Amino acid sequence: MSPEAADLSGELIRQQLKERNQTYNRNIFTVRTDDEEAQALRRKCDQLGIKPNKFIRSLIRKNLNG
């Protein structure tokens, strides 16, 4: 591979990664809870054996997607 082709290939990969990161990061939400709510969430997730993010995503799907 020539140096020019390698540079072009590297630039294309950098562009793809930049686009992928922008798409991935645009859907981040934060939720503030009090201590009791946080503890209840942790307990429920421990009972179900899942991470809090997965639990919250399941609530969103159930409540917003009908």
PDB file of N, CA and C in Angstrom:
ATOM      1  N   MET A   1       0.866  -1.168   0.000  1.00  0.00           N
ATOM      2  CA  MET A   1       0.000   0.000   0.000  1.00  0.00           C
ATOM      3  C   MET A   1       0.910   1.227   0.000  1.00  0.00           C
ATOM      4  N   SER A   2       0.579   2.161  -0.851  1.00  0.00           N
ATOM      5  CA  SER A   2       1.381   3.389  -0.935  1.00  0.00           C
ATOM      6  C   SER A   2       1.101   4.276   0.279  1.00  0.00           C
ATOM      7  N   PRO A   3       2.020   5.183   0.603  1.00  0.00           N
ATOM      8  CA  PRO A   3       1.791   6.099   1.719  1.00  0.00           C
ATOM      9  C   PRO A   3       0.526   6.946   1.524  1.00  0.00           C
ATOM     10  N   GLU A   4       0.244   7.344   0.294  1.00  0.00           N
ATOM     11  CA  GLU A   4      -0.959   8.140   0.026  1.00  0.00           C
ATOM     12  C   GLU A   4      -2.225   7.333   0.286  1.00  0.00           C
ATOM     13  N   ALA A   5      -2.216   6.081  -0.153  1.00  0.00           N
ATOM     14  CA  ALA A   5      -3.376   5.209   0.063  1.00  0.00           C
ATOM     15  C   ALA A   5      -3.564   4.938   1.554  1.00  0.00           C
ATOM     16  N   ALA A   6      -2.473   4.761   2.268  1.00  0.00           N
ATOM     17  CA  ALA A   6      -2.559   4.531   3.713  1.00  0.00           C
ATOM     18  C   ALA A   6      -3.118   5.763   4.419  1.00  0.00           C
ATOM     19  N   ASP A   7      -2.678   6.949   4.013  1.00  0.00           N
ATOM     20  CA  ASP A   7      -3.199   8.182   4.606  1.00  0.00           C
ATOM     21  C   ASP A   7      -4.696   8.326   4.344  1.00  0.00           C
ATOM     22  N   LEU A   8      -5.106   8.054   3.103  1.00  0.00           N
ATOM     23  CA  LEU A   8      -6.518   8.151   2.752  1.00  0.00           C
ATOM     24  C   LEU A   8      -7.344   7.142   3.550  1.00  0.00           C
ATOM     25  N   SER A   9      -6.840   5.925   3.657  1.00  0.00           N
ATOM     26  CA  SER A   9      -7.541   4.900   4.412  1.00  0.00           C
ATOM     27  C   SER A   9      -7.672   5.306   5.880  1.00  0.00           C
ATOM     28  N   GLY A  10      -6.599   5.810   6.447  1.00  0.00           N
ATOM     29  CA  GLY A  10      -6.631   6.257   7.838  1.00  0.00           C
ATOM     30  C   GLY A  10      -7.626   7.382   8.045  1.00  0.00           C
ATOM     31  N   GLU A  11      -7.672   8.324   7.103  1.00  0.00           N
ATOM     32  CA  GLU A  11      -8.603   9.449   7.216  1.00  0.00           C
ATOM     33  C   GLU A  11     -10.048   8.965   7.127  1.00  0.00           C
ATOM     34  N   LEU A  12     -10.330   8.020   6.257  1.00  0.00           N
ATOM     35  CA  LEU A  12     -11.687   7.474   6.135  1.00  0.00           C
ATOM     36  C   LEU A  12     -12.108   6.776   7.429  1.00  0.00           C
ATOM     37  N   ILE A  13     -11.187   6.039   8.025  1.00  0.00           N
ATOM     38  CA  ILE A  13     -11.501   5.360   9.277  1.00  0.00           C
ATOM     39  C   ILE A  13     -11.761   6.370  10.384  1.00  0.00           C
ATOM     40  N   ARG A  14     -10.936   7.426  10.455  1.00  0.00           N
ATOM     41  CA  ARG A  14     -11.146   8.468  11.465  1.00  0.00           C
ATOM     42  C   ARG A  14     -12.514   9.128  11.295  1.00  0.00           C
ATOM     43  N   GLN A  15     -12.916   9.392  10.059  1.00  0.00           N
ATOM     44  CA  GLN A  15     -14.222   9.998   9.812  1.00  0.00           C
ATOM     45  C   GLN A  15     -15.351   9.070  10.254  1.00  0.00           C
ATOM     46  N   GLN A  16     -15.220   7.785   9.945  1.00  0.00           N
ATOM     47  CA  GLN A  16     -16.250   6.826  10.340  1.00  0.00           C
ATOM     48  C   GLN A  16     -16.376   6.736  11.854  1.00  0.00           C
ATOM     49  N   LEU A  17     -15.238   6.711  12.550  1.00  0.00           N
ATOM     50  CA  LEU A  17     -15.273   6.647  14.013  1.00  0.00           C
ATOM     51  C   LEU A  17     -15.882   7.902  14.603  1.00  0.00           C
ATOM     52  N   LYS A  18     -15.567   9.057  14.031  1.00  0.00           N
ATOM     53  CA  LYS A  18     -16.127  10.316  14.518  1.00  0.00           C
ATOM     54  C   LYS A  18     -17.644  10.321  14.350  1.00  0.00           C
ATOM     55  N   GLU A  19     -18.140   9.889  13.188  1.00  0.00           N
ATOM     56  CA  GLU A  19     -19.579   9.833  12.938  1.00  0.00           C
ATOM     57  C   GLU A  19     -20.252   8.834  13.876  1.00  0.00           C
ATOM     58  N   ARG A  20     -19.626   7.689  14.084  1.00  0.00           N
ATOM     59  CA  ARG A  20     -20.185   6.665  14.959  1.00  0.00           C
ATOM     60  C   ARG A  20     -20.277   7.181  16.393  1.00  0.00           C
ATOM     61  N   ASN A  21     -19.239   7.855  16.880  1.00  0.00           N
ATOM     62  CA  ASN A  21     -19.253   8.383  18.235  1.00  0.00           C
ATOM     63  C   ASN A  21     -20.302   9.472  18.396  1.00  0.00           C
ATOM     64  N   GLN A  22     -20.479  10.320  17.405  1.00  0.00           N
ATOM     65  CA  GLN A  22     -21.489  11.364  17.496  1.00  0.00           C
ATOM     66  C   GLN A  22     -22.880  10.759  17.551  1.00  0.00           C
ATOM     67  N   THR A  23     -23.127   9.729  16.771  1.00  0.00           N
ATOM     68  CA  THR A  23     -24.427   9.063  16.771  1.00  0.00           C
ATOM     69  C   THR A  23     -24.671   8.371  18.103  1.00  0.00           C
ATOM     70  N   TYR A  24     -23.665   7.693  18.620  1.00  0.00           N
ATOM     71  CA  TYR A  24     -23.815   6.957  19.858  1.00  0.00           C
ATOM     72  C   TYR A  24     -24.053   7.897  21.035  1.00  0.00           C
ATOM     73  N   ASN A  25     -23.343   8.986  21.096  1.00  0.00           N
ATOM     74  CA  ASN A  25     -23.377   9.864  22.260  1.00  0.00           C
ATOM     75  C   ASN A  25     -24.540  10.851  22.278  1.00  0.00           C
ATOM     76  N   ARG A  26     -25.321  10.920  21.252  1.00  0.00           N
ATOM     77  CA  ARG A  26     -26.377  11.932  21.228  1.00  0.00           C
ATOM     78  C   ARG A  26     -27.608  11.537  22.051  1.00  0.00           C
ATOM     79  N   ASN A  27     -27.696  10.302  22.470  1.00  0.00           N
ATOM     80  CA  ASN A  27     -28.876   9.821  23.185  1.00  0.00           C
ATOM     81  C   ASN A  27     -28.583   9.492  24.642  1.00  0.00           C
ATOM     82  N   ILE A  28     -27.839  10.342  25.299  1.00  0.00           N
ATOM     83  CA  ILE A  28     -27.513  10.125  26.704  1.00  0.00           C
ATOM     84  C   ILE A  28     -28.427  10.995  27.562  1.00  0.00           C
ATOM     85  N   PHE A  29     -29.066  10.368  28.532  1.00  0.00           N
ATOM     86  CA  PHE A  29     -29.929  11.070  29.477  1.00  0.00           C
ATOM     87  C   PHE A  29     -29.395  10.817  30.878  1.00  0.00           C
ATOM     88  N   THR A  30     -29.650  11.731  31.781  1.00  0.00           N
ATOM     89  CA  THR A  30     -29.293  11.520  33.179  1.00  0.00           C
ATOM     90  C   THR A  30     -30.552  11.593  34.023  1.00  0.00           C
ATOM     91  N   VAL A  31     -30.547  10.847  35.101  1.00  0.00           N
ATOM     92  CA  VAL A  31     -31.684  10.815  36.010  1.00  0.00           C
ATOM     93  C   VAL A  31     -31.161  11.064  37.417  1.00  0.00           C
ATOM     94  N   ARG A  32     -31.771  11.989  38.112  1.00  0.00           N
ATOM     95  CA  ARG A  32     -31.393  12.248  39.501  1.00  0.00           C
ATOM     96  C   ARG A  32     -32.416  11.590  40.416  1.00  0.00           C
ATOM     97  N   THR A  33     -31.912  10.914  41.432  1.00  0.00           N
ATOM     98  CA  THR A  33     -32.785  10.243  42.389  1.00  0.00           C
ATOM     99  C   THR A  33     -32.354  10.604  43.805  1.00  0.00           C
ATOM    100  N   ASP A  34     -33.261  10.405  44.740  1.00  0.00           N
ATOM    101  CA  ASP A  34     -32.845  10.556  46.131  1.00  0.00           C
ATOM    102  C   ASP A  34     -32.276   9.215  46.601  1.00  0.00           C
ATOM    103  N   ASP A  35     -31.792   9.178  47.827  1.00  0.00           N
ATOM    104  CA  ASP A  35     -31.137   7.971  48.329  1.00  0.00           C
ATOM    105  C   ASP A  35     -32.074   6.769  48.366  1.00  0.00           C
ATOM    106  N   GLU A  36     -33.325   6.984  48.757  1.00  0.00           N
ATOM    107  CA  GLU A  36     -34.275   5.876  48.837  1.00  0.00           C
ATOM    108  C   GLU A  36     -34.573   5.295  47.460  1.00  0.00           C
ATOM    109  N   GLU A  37     -34.764   6.166  46.476  1.00  0.00           N
ATOM    110  CA  GLU A  37     -35.035   5.694  45.107  1.00  0.00           C
ATOM    111  C   GLU A  37     -33.826   4.946  44.549  1.00  0.00           C
ATOM    112  N   ALA A  38     -32.652   5.467  44.799  1.00  0.00           N
ATOM    113  CA  ALA A  38     -31.438   4.810  44.306  1.00  0.00           C
ATOM    114  C   ALA A  38     -31.275   3.429  44.942  1.00  0.00           C
ATOM    115  N   GLN A  39     -31.518   3.337  46.217  1.00  0.00           N
ATOM    116  CA  GLN A  39     -31.402   2.045  46.900  1.00  0.00           C
ATOM    117  C   GLN A  39     -32.446   1.056  46.387  1.00  0.00           C
ATOM    118  N   ALA A  40     -33.670   1.532  46.171  1.00  0.00           N
ATOM    119  CA  ALA A  40     -34.723   0.659  45.627  1.00  0.00           C
ATOM    120  C   ALA A  40     -34.344   0.169  44.228  1.00  0.00           C
ATOM    121  N   LEU A  41     -33.780   1.044  43.418  1.00  0.00           N
ATOM    122  CA  LEU A  41     -33.348   0.654  42.072  1.00  0.00           C
ATOM    123  C   LEU A  41     -32.239  -0.390  42.147  1.00  0.00           C
ATOM    124  N   ARG A  42     -31.279  -0.178  43.020  1.00  0.00           N
ATOM    125  CA  ARG A  42     -30.182  -1.148  43.162  1.00  0.00           C
ATOM    126  C   ARG A  42     -30.695  -2.504  43.651  1.00  0.00           C
ATOM    127  N   ARG A  43     -31.609  -2.485  44.628  1.00  0.00           N
ATOM    128  CA  ARG A  43     -32.175  -3.741  45.140  1.00  0.00           C
ATOM    129  C   ARG A  43     -32.905  -4.504  44.041  1.00  0.00           C
ATOM    130  N   LYS A  44     -33.738  -3.793  43.286  1.00  0.00           N
ATOM    131  CA  LYS A  44     -34.502  -4.436  42.213  1.00  0.00           C
ATOM    132  C   LYS A  44     -33.575  -5.026  41.149  1.00  0.00           C
ATOM    133  N   CYS A  45     -32.548  -4.263  40.796  1.00  0.00           N
ATOM    134  CA  CYS A  45     -31.596  -4.750  39.788  1.00  0.00           C
ATOM    135  C   CYS A  45     -30.839  -5.969  40.300  1.00  0.00           C
ATOM    136  N   ASP A  46     -30.468  -5.964  41.583  1.00  0.00           N
ATOM    137  CA  ASP A  46     -29.806  -7.132  42.167  1.00  0.00           C
ATOM    138  C   ASP A  46     -30.727  -8.345  42.139  1.00  0.00           C
ATOM    139  N   GLN A  47     -32.015  -8.145  42.463  1.00  0.00           N
ATOM    140  CA  GLN A  47     -32.983  -9.250  42.444  1.00  0.00           C
ATOM    141  C   GLN A  47     -33.115  -9.832  41.042  1.00  0.00           C
ATOM    142  N   LEU A  48     -33.130  -8.946  40.048  1.00  0.00           N
ATOM    143  CA  LEU A  48     -33.295  -9.389  38.661  1.00  0.00           C
ATOM    144  C   LEU A  48     -31.983  -9.833  38.027  1.00  0.00           C
ATOM    145  N   GLY A  49     -30.868  -9.478  38.656  1.00  0.00           N
ATOM    146  CA  GLY A  49     -29.559  -9.833  38.103  1.00  0.00           C
ATOM    147  C   GLY A  49     -29.199  -9.037  36.866  1.00  0.00           C
ATOM    148  N   ILE A  50     -29.628  -7.780  36.828  1.00  0.00           N
ATOM    149  CA  ILE A  50     -29.329  -6.934  35.673  1.00  0.00           C
ATOM    150  C   ILE A  50     -28.718  -5.614  36.135  1.00  0.00           C
ATOM    151  N   LYS A  51     -28.139  -4.901  35.205  1.00  0.00           N
ATOM    152  CA  LYS A  51     -27.565  -3.584  35.475  1.00  0.00           C
ATOM    153  C   LYS A  51     -28.676  -2.535  35.472  1.00  0.00           C
ATOM    154  N   PRO A  52     -28.498  -1.442  36.240  1.00  0.00           N
ATOM    155  CA  PRO A  52     -29.526  -0.391  36.276  1.00  0.00           C
ATOM    156  C   PRO A  52     -29.873   0.164  34.898  1.00  0.00           C
ATOM    157  N   ASN A  53     -28.885   0.312  34.026  1.00  0.00           N
ATOM    158  CA  ASN A  53     -29.167   0.847  32.691  1.00  0.00           C
ATOM    159  C   ASN A  53     -30.136  -0.051  31.921  1.00  0.00           C
ATOM    160  N   LYS A  54     -29.933  -1.348  32.029  1.00  0.00           N
ATOM    161  CA  LYS A  54     -30.828  -2.288  31.340  1.00  0.00           C
ATOM    162  C   LYS A  54     -32.245  -2.210  31.918  1.00  0.00           C
ATOM    163  N   PHE A  55     -32.339  -2.089  33.231  1.00  0.00           N
ATOM    164  CA  PHE A  55     -33.643  -1.976  33.883  1.00  0.00           C
ATOM    165  C   PHE A  55     -34.376  -0.710  33.427  1.00  0.00           C
ATOM    166  N   ILE A  56     -33.663   0.414  33.419  1.00  0.00           N
ATOM    167  CA  ILE A  56     -34.270   1.686  33.005  1.00  0.00           C
ATOM    168  C   ILE A  56     -34.686   1.631  31.539  1.00  0.00           C
ATOM    169  N   ARG A  57     -33.848   1.035  30.697  1.00  0.00           N
ATOM    170  CA  ARG A  57     -34.217   0.902  29.282  1.00  0.00           C
ATOM    171  C   ARG A  57     -35.472   0.056  29.111  1.00  0.00           C
ATOM    172  N   SER A  58     -35.612  -0.990  29.933  1.00  0.00           N
ATOM    173  CA  SER A  58     -36.826  -1.819  29.833  1.00  0.00           C
ATOM    174  C   SER A  58     -38.058  -1.028  30.263  1.00  0.00           C
ATOM    175  N   LEU A  59     -37.922  -0.174  31.281  1.00  0.00           N
ATOM    176  CA  LEU A  59     -39.045   0.680  31.684  1.00  0.00           C
ATOM    177  C   LEU A  59     -39.442   1.638  30.570  1.00  0.00           C
ATOM    178  N   ILE A  60     -38.462   2.209  29.913  1.00  0.00           N
ATOM    179  CA  ILE A  60     -38.741   3.137  28.809  1.00  0.00           C
ATOM    180  C   ILE A  60     -39.472   2.398  27.693  1.00  0.00           C
ATOM    181  N   ARG A  61     -38.973   1.235  27.324  1.00  0.00           N
ATOM    182  CA  ARG A  61     -39.626   0.468  26.241  1.00  0.00           C
ATOM    183  C   ARG A  61     -41.068   0.119  26.590  1.00  0.00           C
ATOM    184  N   LYS A  62     -41.272  -0.344  27.817  1.00  0.00           N
ATOM    185  CA  LYS A  62     -42.622  -0.742  28.227  1.00  0.00           C
ATOM    186  C   LYS A  62     -43.591   0.435  28.284  1.00  0.00           C
ATOM    187  N   ASN A  63     -43.105   1.598  28.719  1.00  0.00           N
ATOM    188  CA  ASN A  63     -43.988   2.735  28.944  1.00  0.00           C
ATOM    189  C   ASN A  63     -44.112   3.682  27.744  1.00  0.00           C
ATOM    190  N   LEU A  64     -43.163   3.678  26.854  1.00  0.00           N
ATOM    191  CA  LEU A  64     -43.225   4.618  25.736  1.00  0.00           C
ATOM    192  C   LEU A  64     -43.519   3.969  24.396  1.00  0.00           C
ATOM    193  N   ASN A  65     -43.265   2.692  24.278  1.00  0.00           N
ATOM    194  CA  ASN A  65     -43.485   2.021  22.988  1.00  0.00           C
ATOM    195  C   ASN A  65     -44.783   1.235  22.951  1.00  0.00           C
ATOM    196  N   GLY A  66     -45.622   1.445  23.928  1.00  0.00           N
ATOM    197  CA  GLY A  66     -46.914   0.785  23.928  1.00  0.00           C
ATOM    198  C   GLY A  66     -46.791  -0.619  24.293  1.00  0.00           C
TER     199      GLY A  66
END
